[in-house]
Protein backbone atom coordinates (compact mmCIF):
# COMPACT_ATOMS: atom_id res chain seq x y z
CA MET A 1 -71.56 13.79 81.44
CA MET A 2 -72.66 15.06 78.05
CA ALA A 3 -75.60 13.35 76.36
CA GLU A 4 -73.38 12.40 73.42
CA GLU A 5 -70.92 10.60 75.69
CA THR A 6 -73.65 8.47 77.26
CA LEU A 7 -74.64 7.16 73.83
CA LEU A 8 -71.14 5.93 73.02
CA LYS A 9 -70.03 2.39 73.68
CA PRO A 10 -66.93 1.89 75.83
CA GLY A 11 -63.86 2.82 73.79
CA GLU A 12 -65.81 4.78 71.18
CA SER A 13 -64.95 8.09 72.81
CA ILE A 14 -61.26 7.21 72.48
CA LEU A 15 -61.77 6.37 68.80
CA LYS A 16 -63.45 9.76 68.29
CA GLU A 17 -60.56 11.41 70.12
CA MET A 18 -58.13 9.81 67.63
CA GLN A 19 -59.69 11.41 64.55
CA PRO A 20 -58.18 14.91 64.78
CA TYR A 21 -54.73 13.37 65.31
CA ILE A 22 -55.22 11.11 62.30
CA PHE A 23 -56.30 14.09 60.17
CA ASP A 24 -53.30 16.11 61.32
CA LEU A 25 -50.95 13.17 60.72
CA ILE A 26 -52.23 12.88 57.15
CA ASP A 27 -51.66 16.62 56.64
CA GLN A 28 -48.17 16.49 58.16
CA LEU A 29 -47.12 13.50 56.06
CA ASN A 30 -48.58 15.05 52.92
CA ASN A 31 -46.68 18.31 53.58
CA ILE A 32 -43.43 16.42 54.07
CA LEU A 33 -44.03 14.54 50.82
CA THR A 34 -44.82 17.65 48.77
CA GLN A 35 -41.96 19.72 50.21
CA ASN A 36 -39.35 16.97 49.84
CA GLU A 37 -40.56 14.91 46.90
CA ASP A 38 -37.21 14.75 45.09
CA LEU A 39 -35.31 13.81 48.24
CA LEU A 40 -37.91 11.19 49.19
CA THR A 41 -37.83 9.77 45.65
CA GLN A 42 -34.05 9.43 45.89
CA ASN A 43 -34.49 7.56 49.19
CA GLY A 44 -37.18 5.29 47.75
CA LEU A 45 -39.91 6.63 50.03
CA ALA A 46 -42.04 8.95 47.87
CA ARG A 47 -44.17 6.23 46.27
CA ARG A 48 -44.53 4.31 49.54
CA ILE A 49 -45.65 7.46 51.38
CA SER A 50 -48.08 8.29 48.58
CA VAL A 51 -49.68 4.84 48.64
CA THR A 52 -49.84 4.84 52.45
CA LEU A 53 -51.42 8.31 52.43
CA SER A 54 -54.13 7.01 50.10
CA ILE A 55 -54.93 4.17 52.49
CA MET A 56 -54.76 6.53 55.49
CA THR A 57 -57.21 8.89 53.80
CA LEU A 58 -59.56 6.01 52.98
CA HIS A 59 -59.73 4.90 56.63
CA ARG A 60 -59.47 8.30 58.35
CA TYR A 61 -63.03 8.21 59.70
CA TYR A 62 -62.60 4.70 61.13
CA PRO A 63 -59.75 4.87 63.65
CA ASP A 64 -60.03 1.20 64.62
CA VAL A 65 -59.65 0.12 60.97
CA PHE A 66 -56.95 2.76 60.45
CA MET A 67 -54.92 1.36 63.33
CA LYS A 68 -55.30 -2.24 62.21
CA GLU A 69 -54.73 -1.69 58.48
CA VAL A 70 -52.18 1.08 58.11
CA TRP A 71 -50.59 1.96 61.47
CA ASP A 72 -47.59 -0.38 61.19
CA ASP A 73 -46.78 1.06 57.75
CA VAL A 74 -46.98 4.59 59.15
CA LEU A 75 -44.57 3.70 61.96
CA GLN A 76 -42.12 2.14 59.48
CA ILE A 77 -42.26 5.23 57.27
CA VAL A 78 -41.65 7.50 60.27
CA GLU A 79 -38.58 5.44 61.21
CA GLU A 80 -37.27 5.78 57.64
CA LEU A 81 -37.92 9.55 57.67
CA LYS A 82 -35.92 9.89 60.89
CA LYS A 83 -32.88 8.52 59.01
CA ILE A 84 -32.91 11.41 56.49
CA PRO A 85 -31.04 14.34 58.08
CA GLN A 86 -32.59 16.96 55.77
CA ILE A 87 -36.08 16.02 57.00
CA THR A 88 -35.60 15.43 60.73
CA ASN A 89 -36.29 19.09 61.60
CA GLN A 90 -39.71 18.80 59.89
CA LEU A 91 -40.87 15.83 61.96
CA ASN A 92 -41.74 17.43 65.31
CA ASP A 93 -45.50 17.79 64.76
CA LEU A 94 -45.71 14.44 63.00
CA LEU A 95 -43.91 12.71 65.88
CA ALA A 96 -46.23 14.38 68.40
CA ASP A 97 -49.25 13.00 66.51
CA VAL A 98 -47.67 9.52 66.39
CA ASP A 99 -46.98 9.60 70.14
CA LYS A 100 -50.54 10.70 70.95
CA LEU A 101 -52.06 8.09 68.62
CA ASN A 102 -49.90 5.36 70.17
CA GLU A 103 -51.13 6.42 73.60
CA LEU A 104 -54.79 6.44 72.49
CA LYS A 105 -54.34 3.13 70.67
CA LYS A 106 -53.15 1.56 73.91
CA GLU A 107 -56.08 3.08 75.84
CA ALA A 108 -58.54 1.75 73.25
CA GLY A 109 -56.99 -1.70 73.38
CA ILE A 110 -56.53 -1.86 69.61
């Protein structure tokens, strides 16, 4: 066991493991927003994604807060994005991050 791991409380290592997925999720969602802004505006999602990205960025270093404060909004946005045929082919990496974060969230008991 690494010295760093022994200093962590139970569950903290899972929270640390979440961070790179949260960072990548923010990047993926931001890329989708910038590449499809007009389409997302027409579908009423651009502003919602922008506001949610701001909150995600604010809490990115605190996965437990991130999951409690913004996760449900992220999942709702992802479901809305899946309904837009022009965007579905851009969602693979984003969906992989969501799946992994859901798995880690369950492990952490959040």
